Amino acid sequence: MGKTIPVDQLASEVMKGLEEYAELTTEVVKKEVQETGKVVKQQIESTAPRKSGRYAKSWAVKKTAETSNSLEITVHSRNRYMLTHLLENGHAKRGGGRVRAIPHIAPAEEMGIKELEGRIERALK
């Protein structure tokens, strides 16, 4: 009939295969997280309010934390960080009244979440 394999050898081979798959998926996910961070940055830059253009150009992607099986990135405004909350949510004027909100970060974040999910699904198929 067929060849018999000891259970411990079979378990060892299965574990080896699972470890290889875990390594592969981790690499794929990390790559897609980095690429999606770049896409989110571009989205924010393109939808950010422009007066002089310095605020829109100030956005960057930074690797915040990385372990063997995870990667965390942050998309942030390098030198105009004080403006992000005011522009995103609006604010009160000195003499009364309000400055309207210009949502540009939250929509990019939502798009980034959907983009990352799609990229990971496509990459792992």
PDB file of N, CA and C in Angstrom:
ATOM      1  N   MET A   1       0.817  -1.176   0.000  1.00  0.00           N
ATOM      2  CA  MET A   1       0.000   0.000   0.000  1.00  0.00           C
ATOM      3  C   MET A   1       0.863   1.243   0.000  1.00  0.00           C
ATOM      4  N   GLY A   2       0.865   1.940   1.120  1.00  0.00           N
ATOM      5  CA  GLY A   2       1.613   3.183   1.195  1.00  0.00           C
ATOM      6  C   GLY A   2       2.675   3.122   2.258  1.00  0.00           C
ATOM      7  N   LYS A   3       3.445   4.117   2.269  1.00  0.00           N
ATOM      8  CA  LYS A   3       4.531   4.215   3.225  1.00  0.00           C
ATOM      9  C   LYS A   3       3.983   4.761   4.550  1.00  0.00           C
ATOM     10  N   THR A   4       4.408   4.210   5.653  1.00  0.00           N
ATOM     11  CA  THR A   4       3.970   4.718   6.952  1.00  0.00           C
ATOM     12  C   THR A   4       5.022   5.684   7.495  1.00  0.00           C
ATOM     13  N   ILE A   5       4.525   6.758   8.088  1.00  0.00           N
ATOM     14  CA  ILE A   5       5.403   7.790   8.646  1.00  0.00           C
ATOM     15  C   ILE A   5       5.085   7.902  10.131  1.00  0.00           C
ATOM     16  N   PRO A   6       6.100   7.927  10.961  1.00  0.00           N
ATOM     17  CA  PRO A   6       5.860   8.096  12.393  1.00  0.00           C
ATOM     18  C   PRO A   6       5.150   9.431  12.665  1.00  0.00           C
ATOM     19  N   VAL A   7       4.309   9.444  13.668  1.00  0.00           N
ATOM     20  CA  VAL A   7       3.503  10.622  13.989  1.00  0.00           C
ATOM     21  C   VAL A   7       4.374  11.838  14.313  1.00  0.00           C
ATOM     22  N   ASP A   8       5.445  11.622  15.062  1.00  0.00           N
ATOM     23  CA  ASP A   8       6.297  12.752  15.432  1.00  0.00           C
ATOM     24  C   ASP A   8       6.987  13.359  14.211  1.00  0.00           C
ATOM     25  N   GLN A   9       7.334  12.537  13.228  1.00  0.00           N
ATOM     26  CA  GLN A   9       7.943  13.051  11.997  1.00  0.00           C
ATOM     27  C   GLN A   9       6.903  13.841  11.199  1.00  0.00           C
ATOM     28  N   LEU A  10       5.676  13.324  11.127  1.00  0.00           N
ATOM     29  CA  LEU A  10       4.590  14.014  10.428  1.00  0.00           C
ATOM     30  C   LEU A  10       4.304  15.365  11.090  1.00  0.00           C
ATOM     31  N   ALA A  11       4.227  15.366  12.413  1.00  0.00           N
ATOM     32  CA  ALA A  11       3.980  16.610  13.153  1.00  0.00           C
ATOM     33  C   ALA A  11       5.104  17.609  12.901  1.00  0.00           C
ATOM     34  N   SER A  12       6.330  17.134  12.848  1.00  0.00           N
ATOM     35  CA  SER A  12       7.475  17.999  12.589  1.00  0.00           C
ATOM     36  C   SER A  12       7.373  18.635  11.201  1.00  0.00           C
ATOM     37  N   GLU A  13       6.983  17.853  10.212  1.00  0.00           N
ATOM     38  CA  GLU A  13       6.844  18.374   8.851  1.00  0.00           C
ATOM     39  C   GLU A  13       5.705  19.388   8.747  1.00  0.00           C
ATOM     40  N   VAL A  14       4.610  19.114   9.430  1.00  0.00           N
ATOM     41  CA  VAL A  14       3.479  20.046   9.428  1.00  0.00           C
ATOM     42  C   VAL A  14       3.892  21.366  10.076  1.00  0.00           C
ATOM     43  N   MET A  15       4.590  21.293  11.212  1.00  0.00           N
ATOM     44  CA  MET A  15       5.048  22.505  11.899  1.00  0.00           C
ATOM     45  C   MET A  15       6.017  23.296  11.028  1.00  0.00           C
ATOM     46  N   LYS A  16       6.882  22.601  10.324  1.00  0.00           N
ATOM     47  CA  LYS A  16       7.838  23.255   9.431  1.00  0.00           C
ATOM     48  C   LYS A  16       7.086  24.017   8.330  1.00  0.00           C
ATOM     49  N   GLY A  17       6.080  23.391   7.773  1.00  0.00           N
ATOM     50  CA  GLY A  17       5.270  24.033   6.737  1.00  0.00           C
ATOM     51  C   GLY A  17       4.523  25.243   7.267  1.00  0.00           C
ATOM     52  N   LEU A  18       3.969  25.130   8.468  1.00  0.00           N
ATOM     53  CA  LEU A  18       3.256  26.254   9.078  1.00  0.00           C
ATOM     54  C   LEU A  18       4.195  27.417   9.381  1.00  0.00           C
ATOM     55  N   GLU A  19       5.409  27.115   9.829  1.00  0.00           N
ATOM     56  CA  GLU A  19       6.375  28.173  10.120  1.00  0.00           C
ATOM     57  C   GLU A  19       6.790  28.907   8.849  1.00  0.00           C
ATOM     58  N   GLU A  20       6.969  28.157   7.753  1.00  0.00           N
ATOM     59  CA  GLU A  20       7.309  28.774   6.466  1.00  0.00           C
ATOM     60  C   GLU A  20       6.174  29.684   6.000  1.00  0.00           C
ATOM     61  N   TYR A  21       4.936  29.219   6.156  1.00  0.00           N
ATOM     62  CA  TYR A  21       3.776  30.027   5.764  1.00  0.00           C
ATOM     63  C   TYR A  21       3.682  31.290   6.624  1.00  0.00           C
ATOM     64  N   ALA A  22       3.939  31.162   7.913  1.00  0.00           N
ATOM     65  CA  ALA A  22       3.882  32.316   8.811  1.00  0.00           C
ATOM     66  C   ALA A  22       4.941  33.352   8.430  1.00  0.00           C
ATOM     67  N   GLU A  23       6.146  32.903   8.092  1.00  0.00           N
ATOM     68  CA  GLU A  23       7.208  33.813   7.654  1.00  0.00           C
ATOM     69  C   GLU A  23       6.807  34.542   6.379  1.00  0.00           C
ATOM     70  N   LEU A  24       6.276  33.798   5.432  1.00  0.00           N
ATOM     71  CA  LEU A  24       5.865  34.371   4.157  1.00  0.00           C
ATOM     72  C   LEU A  24       4.760  35.406   4.358  1.00  0.00           C
ATOM     73  N   THR A  25       3.748  35.062   5.135  1.00  0.00           N
ATOM     74  CA  THR A  25       2.639  35.998   5.332  1.00  0.00           C
ATOM     75  C   THR A  25       3.094  37.243   6.102  1.00  0.00           C
ATOM     76  N   THR A  26       3.996  37.076   7.051  1.00  0.00           N
ATOM     77  CA  THR A  26       4.501  38.227   7.807  1.00  0.00           C
ATOM     78  C   THR A  26       5.221  39.189   6.878  1.00  0.00           C
ATOM     79  N   GLU A  27       6.061  38.672   5.996  1.00  0.00           N
ATOM     80  CA  GLU A  27       6.780  39.518   5.040  1.00  0.00           C
ATOM     81  C   GLU A  27       5.801  40.249   4.125  1.00  0.00           C
ATOM     82  N   VAL A  28       4.799  39.533   3.648  1.00  0.00           N
ATOM     83  CA  VAL A  28       3.808  40.127   2.753  1.00  0.00           C
ATOM     84  C   VAL A  28       3.033  41.234   3.462  1.00  0.00           C
ATOM     85  N   VAL A  29       2.595  40.963   4.671  1.00  0.00           N
ATOM     86  CA  VAL A  29       1.809  41.947   5.420  1.00  0.00           C
ATOM     87  C   VAL A  29       2.652  43.188   5.718  1.00  0.00           C
ATOM     88  N   LYS A  30       3.903  43.009   6.132  1.00  0.00           N
ATOM     89  CA  LYS A  30       4.771  44.156   6.408  1.00  0.00           C
ATOM     90  C   LYS A  30       4.962  45.012   5.160  1.00  0.00           C
ATOM     91  N   LYS A  31       5.175  44.374   4.022  1.00  0.00           N
ATOM     92  CA  LYS A  31       5.357  45.107   2.758  1.00  0.00           C
ATOM     93  C   LYS A  31       4.096  45.894   2.421  1.00  0.00           C
ATOM     94  N   GLU A  32       2.941  45.275   2.577  1.00  0.00           N
ATOM     95  CA  GLU A  32       1.677  45.937   2.258  1.00  0.00           C
ATOM     96  C   GLU A  32       1.374  47.076   3.227  1.00  0.00           C
ATOM     97  N   VAL A  33       1.758  46.939   4.489  1.00  0.00           N
ATOM     98  CA  VAL A  33       1.569  48.013   5.464  1.00  0.00           C
ATOM     99  C   VAL A  33       2.403  49.231   5.047  1.00  0.00           C
ATOM    100  N   GLN A  34       3.645  49.010   4.633  1.00  0.00           N
ATOM    101  CA  GLN A  34       4.499  50.114   4.197  1.00  0.00           C
ATOM    102  C   GLN A  34       3.927  50.791   2.954  1.00  0.00           C
ATOM    103  N   GLU A  35       3.493  49.995   1.986  1.00  0.00           N
ATOM    104  CA  GLU A  35       2.940  50.559   0.756  1.00  0.00           C
ATOM    105  C   GLU A  35       1.652  51.335   1.036  1.00  0.00           C
ATOM    106  N   THR A  36       0.806  50.812   1.906  1.00  0.00           N
ATOM    107  CA  THR A  36      -0.443  51.492   2.232  1.00  0.00           C
ATOM    108  C   THR A  36      -0.158  52.796   2.965  1.00  0.00           C
ATOM    109  N   GLY A  37       0.857  52.825   3.804  1.00  0.00           N
ATOM    110  CA  GLY A  37       1.247  54.064   4.474  1.00  0.00           C
ATOM    111  C   GLY A  37       1.605  55.146   3.469  1.00  0.00           C
ATOM    112  N   LYS A  38       2.315  54.765   2.419  1.00  0.00           N
ATOM    113  CA  LYS A  38       2.666  55.726   1.372  1.00  0.00           C
ATOM    114  C   LYS A  38       1.427  56.236   0.651  1.00  0.00           C
ATOM    115  N   VAL A  39       0.476  55.341   0.399  1.00  0.00           N
ATOM    116  CA  VAL A  39      -0.764  55.726  -0.277  1.00  0.00           C
ATOM    117  C   VAL A  39      -1.569  56.692   0.597  1.00  0.00           C
ATOM    118  N   VAL A  40      -1.646  56.426   1.892  1.00  0.00           N
ATOM    119  CA  VAL A  40      -2.375  57.307   2.819  1.00  0.00           C
ATOM    120  C   VAL A  40      -1.707  58.681   2.845  1.00  0.00           C
ATOM    121  N   LYS A  41      -0.394  58.715   2.891  1.00  0.00           N
ATOM    122  CA  LYS A  41       0.341  59.985   2.884  1.00  0.00           C
ATOM    123  C   LYS A  41       0.007  60.777   1.618  1.00  0.00           C
ATOM    124  N   GLN A  42       0.022  60.123   0.476  1.00  0.00           N
ATOM    125  CA  GLN A  42      -0.298  60.802  -0.783  1.00  0.00           C
ATOM    126  C   GLN A  42      -1.734  61.312  -0.784  1.00  0.00           C
ATOM    127  N   GLN A  43      -2.648  60.525  -0.229  1.00  0.00           N
ATOM    128  CA  GLN A  43      -4.055  60.927  -0.156  1.00  0.00           C
ATOM    129  C   GLN A  43      -4.206  62.183   0.713  1.00  0.00           C
ATOM    130  N   ILE A  44      -3.538  62.213   1.850  1.00  0.00           N
ATOM    131  CA  ILE A  44      -3.618  63.382   2.730  1.00  0.00           C
ATOM    132  C   ILE A  44      -3.007  64.596   2.038  1.00  0.00           C
ATOM    133  N   GLU A  45      -1.852  64.400   1.401  1.00  0.00           N
ATOM    134  CA  GLU A  45      -1.212  65.510   0.703  1.00  0.00           C
ATOM    135  C   GLU A  45      -2.114  66.093  -0.377  1.00  0.00           C
ATOM    136  N   SER A  46      -2.824  65.227  -1.082  1.00  0.00           N
ATOM    137  CA  SER A  46      -3.656  65.709  -2.188  1.00  0.00           C
ATOM    138  C   SER A  46      -4.945  66.368  -1.716  1.00  0.00           C
ATOM    139  N   THR A  47      -5.439  66.030  -0.536  1.00  0.00           N
ATOM    140  CA  THR A  47      -6.699  66.602  -0.053  1.00  0.00           C
ATOM    141  C   THR A  47      -6.498  67.644   1.046  1.00  0.00           C
ATOM    142  N   ALA A  48      -5.259  67.862   1.478  1.00  0.00           N
ATOM    143  CA  ALA A  48      -4.982  68.831   2.538  1.00  0.00           C
ATOM    144  C   ALA A  48      -5.246  70.247   2.033  1.00  0.00           C
ATOM    145  N   PRO A  49      -5.692  71.115   2.937  1.00  0.00           N
ATOM    146  CA  PRO A  49      -5.907  72.507   2.540  1.00  0.00           C
ATOM    147  C   PRO A  49      -4.592  73.152   2.109  1.00  0.00           C
ATOM    148  N   ARG A  50      -4.675  74.024   1.121  1.00  0.00           N
ATOM    149  CA  ARG A  50      -3.470  74.662   0.591  1.00  0.00           C
ATOM    150  C   ARG A  50      -3.605  76.172   0.661  1.00  0.00           C
ATOM    151  N   LYS A  51      -2.708  76.760   1.383  1.00  0.00           N
ATOM    152  CA  LYS A  51      -2.589  78.212   1.359  1.00  0.00           C
ATOM    153  C   LYS A  51      -1.235  78.503   0.735  1.00  0.00           C
ATOM    154  N   SER A  52      -0.182  78.069   1.413  1.00  0.00           N
ATOM    155  CA  SER A  52       1.165  78.197   0.849  1.00  0.00           C
ATOM    156  C   SER A  52       1.665  76.853   0.319  1.00  0.00           C
ATOM    157  N   GLY A  53       1.024  75.754   0.748  1.00  0.00           N
ATOM    158  CA  GLY A  53       1.446  74.423   0.327  1.00  0.00           C
ATOM    159  C   GLY A  53       2.387  73.747   1.306  1.00  0.00           C
ATOM    160  N   ARG A  54       2.877  74.494   2.299  1.00  0.00           N
ATOM    161  CA  ARG A  54       3.821  73.907   3.253  1.00  0.00           C
ATOM    162  C   ARG A  54       3.177  72.818   4.097  1.00  0.00           C
ATOM    163  N   TYR A  55       1.921  73.023   4.491  1.00  0.00           N
ATOM    164  CA  TYR A  55       1.227  72.030   5.316  1.00  0.00           C
ATOM    165  C   TYR A  55       1.076  70.724   4.542  1.00  0.00           C
ATOM    166  N   ALA A  56       0.642  70.808   3.310  1.00  0.00           N
ATOM    167  CA  ALA A  56       0.436  69.599   2.502  1.00  0.00           C
ATOM    168  C   ALA A  56       1.751  68.859   2.277  1.00  0.00           C
ATOM    169  N   LYS A  57       2.836  69.584   2.133  1.00  0.00           N
ATOM    170  CA  LYS A  57       4.145  68.963   1.886  1.00  0.00           C
ATOM    171  C   LYS A  57       4.787  68.412   3.155  1.00  0.00           C
ATOM    172  N   SER A  58       4.234  68.725   4.308  1.00  0.00           N
ATOM    173  CA  SER A  58       4.870  68.350   5.573  1.00  0.00           C
ATOM    174  C   SER A  58       4.581  66.916   6.006  1.00  0.00           C
ATOM    175  N   TRP A  59       3.776  66.183   5.270  1.00  0.00           N
ATOM    176  CA  TRP A  59       3.383  64.834   5.694  1.00  0.00           C
ATOM    177  C   TRP A  59       4.475  63.818   5.403  1.00  0.00           C
ATOM    178  N   ALA A  60       4.644  62.867   6.336  1.00  0.00           N
ATOM    179  CA  ALA A  60       5.670  61.834   6.207  1.00  0.00           C
ATOM    180  C   ALA A  60       5.155  60.519   6.785  1.00  0.00           C
ATOM    181  N   VAL A  61       5.813  59.429   6.389  1.00  0.00           N
ATOM    182  CA  VAL A  61       5.520  58.097   6.906  1.00  0.00           C
ATOM    183  C   VAL A  61       6.713  57.677   7.754  1.00  0.00           C
ATOM    184  N   LYS A  62       6.439  57.223   8.972  1.00  0.00           N
ATOM    185  CA  LYS A  62       7.497  56.851   9.900  1.00  0.00           C
ATOM    186  C   LYS A  62       7.229  55.462  10.461  1.00  0.00           C
ATOM    187  N   LYS A  63       8.264  54.627  10.502  1.00  0.00           N
ATOM    188  CA  LYS A  63       8.152  53.315  11.130  1.00  0.00           C
ATOM    189  C   LYS A  63       8.221  53.521  12.636  1.00  0.00           C
ATOM    190  N   THR A  64       7.106  53.232  13.322  1.00  0.00           N
ATOM    191  CA  THR A  64       7.018  53.479  14.755  1.00  0.00           C
ATOM    192  C   THR A  64       7.540  52.305  15.566  1.00  0.00           C
ATOM    193  N   ALA A  65       7.156  51.087  15.167  1.00  0.00           N
ATOM    194  CA  ALA A  65       7.597  49.891  15.893  1.00  0.00           C
ATOM    195  C   ALA A  65       7.635  48.716  14.932  1.00  0.00           C
ATOM    196  N   GLU A  66       8.609  47.839  15.147  1.00  0.00           N
ATOM    197  CA  GLU A  66       8.692  46.627  14.333  1.00  0.00           C
ATOM    198  C   GLU A  66       9.236  45.498  15.188  1.00  0.00           C
ATOM    199  N   THR A  67       8.558  44.343  15.082  1.00  0.00           N
ATOM    200  CA  THR A  67       9.032  43.125  15.716  1.00  0.00           C
ATOM    201  C   THR A  67       9.175  42.087  14.621  1.00  0.00           C
ATOM    202  N   SER A  68       9.470  40.880  15.001  1.00  0.00           N
ATOM    203  CA  SER A  68       9.634  39.827  14.000  1.00  0.00           C
ATOM    204  C   SER A  68       8.334  39.513  13.278  1.00  0.00           C
ATOM    205  N   ASN A  69       7.189  39.803  13.905  1.00  0.00           N
ATOM    206  CA  ASN A  69       5.924  39.472  13.242  1.00  0.00           C
ATOM    207  C   ASN A  69       4.939  40.630  13.186  1.00  0.00           C
ATOM    208  N   SER A  70       5.393  41.870  13.410  1.00  0.00           N
ATOM    209  CA  SER A  70       4.484  43.004  13.288  1.00  0.00           C
ATOM    210  C   SER A  70       5.246  44.259  12.861  1.00  0.00           C
ATOM    211  N   LEU A  71       4.493  45.192  12.281  1.00  0.00           N
ATOM    212  CA  LEU A  71       5.057  46.467  11.846  1.00  0.00           C
ATOM    213  C   LEU A  71       4.018  47.539  12.108  1.00  0.00           C
ATOM    214  N   GLU A  72       4.434  48.623  12.723  1.00  0.00           N
ATOM    215  CA  GLU A  72       3.547  49.740  12.991  1.00  0.00           C
ATOM    216  C   GLU A  72       4.145  50.981  12.346  1.00  0.00           C
ATOM    217  N   ILE A  73       3.343  51.659  11.526  1.00  0.00           N
ATOM    218  CA  ILE A  73       3.806  52.893  10.913  1.00  0.00           C
ATOM    219  C   ILE A  73       2.872  54.028  11.309  1.00  0.00           C
ATOM    220  N   THR A  74       3.372  55.235  11.220  1.00  0.00           N
ATOM    221  CA  THR A  74       2.593  56.421  11.537  1.00  0.00           C
ATOM    222  C   THR A  74       2.731  57.406  10.386  1.00  0.00           C
ATOM    223  N   VAL A  75       1.608  57.924   9.934  1.00  0.00           N
ATOM    224  CA  VAL A  75       1.617  58.995   8.950  1.00  0.00           C
ATOM    225  C   VAL A  75       1.382  60.268   9.746  1.00  0.00           C
ATOM    226  N   HIS A  76       2.317  61.217   9.648  1.00  0.00           N
ATOM    227  CA  HIS A  76       2.230  62.410  10.486  1.00  0.00           C
ATOM    228  C   HIS A  76       2.739  63.638   9.749  1.00  0.00           C
ATOM    229  N   SER A  77       2.376  64.789  10.276  1.00  0.00           N
ATOM    230  CA  SER A  77       2.862  66.058   9.749  1.00  0.00           C
ATOM    231  C   SER A  77       4.146  66.387  10.498  1.00  0.00           C
ATOM    232  N   ARG A  78       5.242  66.549   9.769  1.00  0.00           N
ATOM    233  CA  ARG A  78       6.546  66.741  10.400  1.00  0.00           C
ATOM    234  C   ARG A  78       6.635  68.032  11.214  1.00  0.00           C
ATOM    235  N   ASN A  79       6.411  69.162  10.603  1.00  0.00           N
ATOM    236  CA  ASN A  79       6.618  70.405  11.330  1.00  0.00           C
ATOM    237  C   ASN A  79       5.346  71.239  11.458  1.00  0.00           C
ATOM    238  N   ARG A  80       4.217  70.744  10.980  1.00  0.00           N
ATOM    239  CA  ARG A  80       2.968  71.486  11.047  1.00  0.00           C
ATOM    240  C   ARG A  80       1.944  70.736  11.899  1.00  0.00           C
ATOM    241  N   TYR A  81       2.420  69.925  12.828  1.00  0.00           N
ATOM    242  CA  TYR A  81       1.529  69.067  13.602  1.00  0.00           C
ATOM    243  C   TYR A  81       0.509  69.844  14.415  1.00  0.00           C
ATOM    244  N   MET A  82       0.792  71.087  14.760  1.00  0.00           N
ATOM    245  CA  MET A  82      -0.147  71.877  15.559  1.00  0.00           C
ATOM    246  C   MET A  82      -1.417  72.192  14.770  1.00  0.00           C
ATOM    247  N   LEU A  83      -1.294  72.241  13.458  1.00  0.00           N
ATOM    248  CA  LEU A  83      -2.430  72.601  12.614  1.00  0.00           C
ATOM    249  C   LEU A  83      -3.384  71.447  12.334  1.00  0.00           C
ATOM    250  N   THR A  84      -2.926  70.223  12.469  1.00  0.00           N
ATOM    251  CA  THR A  84      -3.737  69.088  12.023  1.00  0.00           C
ATOM    252  C   THR A  84      -5.097  69.041  12.691  1.00  0.00           C
ATOM    253  N   HIS A  85      -5.141  69.178  13.998  1.00  0.00           N
ATOM    254  CA  HIS A  85      -6.411  69.126  14.729  1.00  0.00           C
ATOM    255  C   HIS A  85      -7.297  70.314  14.363  1.00  0.00           C
ATOM    256  N   LEU A  86      -6.705  71.489  14.274  1.00  0.00           N
ATOM    257  CA  LEU A  86      -7.477  72.694  13.964  1.00  0.00           C
ATOM    258  C   LEU A  86      -8.094  72.608  12.569  1.00  0.00           C
ATOM    259  N   LEU A  87      -7.332  72.156  11.598  1.00  0.00           N
ATOM    260  CA  LEU A  87      -7.849  72.072  10.237  1.00  0.00           C
ATOM    261  C   LEU A  87      -8.853  70.932  10.081  1.00  0.00           C
ATOM    262  N   GLU A  88      -8.580  69.816  10.708  1.00  0.00           N
ATOM    263  CA  GLU A  88      -9.452  68.645  10.586  1.00  0.00           C
ATOM    264  C   GLU A  88     -10.810  68.885  11.245  1.00  0.00           C
ATOM    265  N   ASN A  89     -10.820  69.561  12.394  1.00  0.00           N
ATOM    266  CA  ASN A  89     -12.040  69.705  13.184  1.00  0.00           C
ATOM    267  C   ASN A  89     -12.632  71.108  13.207  1.00  0.00           C
ATOM    268  N   GLY A  90     -11.932  72.068  12.660  1.00  0.00           N
ATOM    269  CA  GLY A  90     -12.397  73.447  12.743  1.00  0.00           C
ATOM    270  C   GLY A  90     -12.019  74.026  14.098  1.00  0.00           C
ATOM    271  N   HIS A  91     -12.168  75.344  14.240  1.00  0.00           N
ATOM    272  CA  HIS A  91     -11.814  75.971  15.512  1.00  0.00           C
ATOM    273  C   HIS A  91     -12.487  77.325  15.626  1.00  0.00           C
ATOM    274  N   ALA A  92     -12.503  77.857  16.852  1.00  0.00           N
ATOM    275  CA  ALA A  92     -13.108  79.166  17.114  1.00  0.00           C
ATOM    276  C   ALA A  92     -12.152  80.270  16.669  1.00  0.00           C
ATOM    277  N   LYS A  93     -12.729  81.359  16.171  1.00  0.00           N
ATOM    278  CA  LYS A  93     -11.931  82.527  15.795  1.00  0.00           C
ATOM    279  C   LYS A  93     -11.740  83.427  17.009  1.00  0.00           C
ATOM    280  N   ARG A  94     -10.765  84.273  16.948  1.00  0.00           N
ATOM    281  CA  ARG A  94     -10.498  85.203  18.046  1.00  0.00           C
ATOM    282  C   ARG A  94     -11.675  86.127  18.311  1.00  0.00           C
ATOM    283  N   GLY A  95     -12.212  86.731  17.295  1.00  0.00           N
ATOM    284  CA  GLY A  95     -13.272  87.709  17.462  1.00  0.00           C
ATOM    285  C   GLY A  95     -14.662  87.111  17.474  1.00  0.00           C
ATOM    286  N   GLY A  96     -14.763  85.807  17.585  1.00  0.00           N
ATOM    287  CA  GLY A  96     -16.059  85.134  17.561  1.00  0.00           C
ATOM    288  C   GLY A  96     -16.268  84.423  16.239  1.00  0.00           C
ATOM    289  N   GLY A  97     -17.151  83.485  16.222  1.00  0.00           N
ATOM    290  CA  GLY A  97     -17.385  82.686  15.027  1.00  0.00           C
ATOM    291  C   GLY A  97     -16.488  81.465  14.991  1.00  0.00           C
ATOM    292  N   ARG A  98     -16.601  80.736  13.910  1.00  0.00           N
ATOM    293  CA  ARG A  98     -15.805  79.511  13.761  1.00  0.00           C
ATOM    294  C   ARG A  98     -15.200  79.424  12.383  1.00  0.00           C
ATOM    295  N   VAL A  99     -14.096  78.725  12.308  1.00  0.00           N
ATOM    296  CA  VAL A  99     -13.473  78.375  11.037  1.00  0.00           C
ATOM    297  C   VAL A  99     -13.962  76.977  10.707  1.00  0.00           C
ATOM    298  N   ARG A 100     -14.437  76.781   9.483  1.00  0.00           N
ATOM    299  CA  ARG A 100     -15.008  75.482   9.112  1.00  0.00           C
ATOM    300  C   ARG A 100     -13.945  74.376   9.117  1.00  0.00           C
ATOM    301  N   ALA A 101     -14.395  73.178   9.400  1.00  0.00           N
ATOM    302  CA  ALA A 101     -13.515  72.009   9.390  1.00  0.00           C
ATOM    303  C   ALA A 101     -13.234  71.604   7.959  1.00  0.00           C
ATOM    304  N   ILE A 102     -12.026  71.119   7.710  1.00  0.00           N
ATOM    305  CA  ILE A 102     -11.648  70.590   6.398  1.00  0.00           C
ATOM    306  C   ILE A 102     -11.164  69.157   6.632  1.00  0.00           C
ATOM    307  N   PRO A 103     -12.098  68.197   6.668  1.00  0.00           N
ATOM    308  CA  PRO A 103     -11.685  66.812   6.934  1.00  0.00           C
ATOM    309  C   PRO A 103     -10.804  66.281   5.799  1.00  0.00           C
ATOM    310  N   HIS A 104      -9.585  65.928   6.124  1.00  0.00           N
ATOM    311  CA  HIS A 104      -8.665  65.369   5.138  1.00  0.00           C
ATOM    312  C   HIS A 104      -7.873  64.197   5.715  1.00  0.00           C
ATOM    313  N   ILE A 105      -7.827  64.074   7.021  1.00  0.00           N
ATOM    314  CA  ILE A 105      -7.081  62.976   7.643  1.00  0.00           C
ATOM    315  C   ILE A 105      -7.974  61.755   7.836  1.00  0.00           C
ATOM    316  N   ALA A 106      -9.164  61.949   8.405  1.00  0.00           N
ATOM    317  CA  ALA A 106     -10.077  60.826   8.665  1.00  0.00           C
ATOM    318  C   ALA A 106     -10.472  60.086   7.382  1.00  0.00           C
ATOM    319  N   PRO A 107     -10.817  60.790   6.291  1.00  0.00           N
ATOM    320  CA  PRO A 107     -11.146  60.059   5.058  1.00  0.00           C
ATOM    321  C   PRO A 107      -9.960  59.253   4.524  1.00  0.00           C
ATOM    322  N   ALA A 108      -8.750  59.802   4.649  1.00  0.00           N
ATOM    323  CA  ALA A 108      -7.561  59.078   4.190  1.00  0.00           C
ATOM    324  C   ALA A 108      -7.312  57.850   5.060  1.00  0.00           C
ATOM    325  N   GLU A 109      -7.570  57.967   6.351  1.00  0.00           N
ATOM    326  CA  GLU A 109      -7.407  56.829   7.259  1.00  0.00           C
ATOM    327  C   GLU A 109      -8.390  55.711   6.909  1.00  0.00           C
ATOM    328  N   GLU A 110      -9.648  56.073   6.686  1.00  0.00           N
ATOM    329  CA  GLU A 110     -10.656  55.064   6.314  1.00  0.00           C
ATOM    330  C   GLU A 110     -10.290  54.390   4.995  1.00  0.00           C
ATOM    331  N   MET A 111      -9.854  55.191   4.022  1.00  0.00           N
ATOM    332  CA  MET A 111      -9.440  54.626   2.742  1.00  0.00           C
ATOM    333  C   MET A 111      -8.246  53.700   2.945  1.00  0.00           C
ATOM    334  N   GLY A 112      -7.322  54.075   3.814  1.00  0.00           N
ATOM    335  CA  GLY A 112      -6.136  53.262   4.075  1.00  0.00           C
ATOM    336  C   GLY A 112      -6.474  51.917   4.683  1.00  0.00           C
ATOM    337  N   ILE A 113      -7.451  51.897   5.575  1.00  0.00           N
ATOM    338  CA  ILE A 113      -7.868  50.635   6.195  1.00  0.00           C
ATOM    339  C   ILE A 113      -8.423  49.690   5.138  1.00  0.00           C
ATOM    340  N   LYS A 114      -9.313  50.205   4.297  1.00  0.00           N
ATOM    341  CA  LYS A 114      -9.892  49.376   3.234  1.00  0.00           C
ATOM    342  C   LYS A 114      -8.829  48.930   2.236  1.00  0.00           C
ATOM    343  N   GLU A 115      -7.931  49.856   1.899  1.00  0.00           N
ATOM    344  CA  GLU A 115      -6.847  49.557   0.956  1.00  0.00           C
ATOM    345  C   GLU A 115      -5.954  48.444   1.495  1.00  0.00           C
ATOM    346  N   LEU A 116      -5.586  48.526   2.776  1.00  0.00           N
ATOM    347  CA  LEU A 116      -4.708  47.522   3.374  1.00  0.00           C
ATOM    348  C   LEU A 116      -5.383  46.155   3.394  1.00  0.00           C
ATOM    349  N   GLU A 117      -6.657  46.103   3.760  1.00  0.00           N
ATOM    350  CA  GLU A 117      -7.371  44.825   3.769  1.00  0.00           C
ATOM    351  C   GLU A 117      -7.368  44.208   2.372  1.00  0.00           C
ATOM    352  N   GLY A 118      -7.664  45.011   1.360  1.00  0.00           N
ATOM    353  CA  GLY A 118      -7.678  44.506  -0.011  1.00  0.00           C
ATOM    354  C   GLY A 118      -6.312  44.045  -0.472  1.00  0.00           C
ATOM    355  N   ARG A 119      -5.282  44.815  -0.156  1.00  0.00           N
ATOM    356  CA  ARG A 119      -3.915  44.457  -0.564  1.00  0.00           C
ATOM    357  C   ARG A 119      -3.482  43.134   0.068  1.00  0.00           C
ATOM    358  N   ILE A 120      -3.788  42.963   1.356  1.00  0.00           N
ATOM    359  CA  ILE A 120      -3.383  41.731   2.041  1.00  0.00           C
ATOM    360  C   ILE A 120      -4.121  40.542   1.453  1.00  0.00           C
ATOM    361  N   GLU A 121      -5.415  40.686   1.228  1.00  0.00           N
ATOM    362  CA  GLU A 121      -6.193  39.579   0.629  1.00  0.00           C
ATOM    363  C   GLU A 121      -5.629  39.199  -0.730  1.00  0.00           C
ATOM    364  N   ARG A 122      -5.359  40.188  -1.573  1.00  0.00           N
ATOM    365  CA  ARG A 122      -4.819  39.905  -2.918  1.00  0.00           C
ATOM    366  C   ARG A 122      -3.440  39.251  -2.836  1.00  0.00           C
ATOM    367  N   ALA A 123      -2.611  39.724  -1.932  1.00  0.00           N
ATOM    368  CA  ALA A 123      -1.239  39.207  -1.825  1.00  0.00           C
ATOM    369  C   ALA A 123      -1.194  37.775  -1.313  1.00  0.00           C
ATOM    370  N   LEU A 124      -2.140  37.412  -0.464  1.00  0.00           N
ATOM    371  CA  LEU A 124      -2.109  36.072   0.115  1.00  0.00           C
ATOM    372  C   LEU A 124      -2.845  35.028  -0.718  1.00  0.00           C
ATOM    373  N   LYS A 125      -3.502  35.462  -1.786  1.00  0.00           N
ATOM    374  CA  LYS A 125      -4.197  34.486  -2.636  1.00  0.00           C
ATOM    375  C   LYS A 125      -3.258  33.808  -3.593  1.00  0.00           C
TER     376      LYS A 125
END
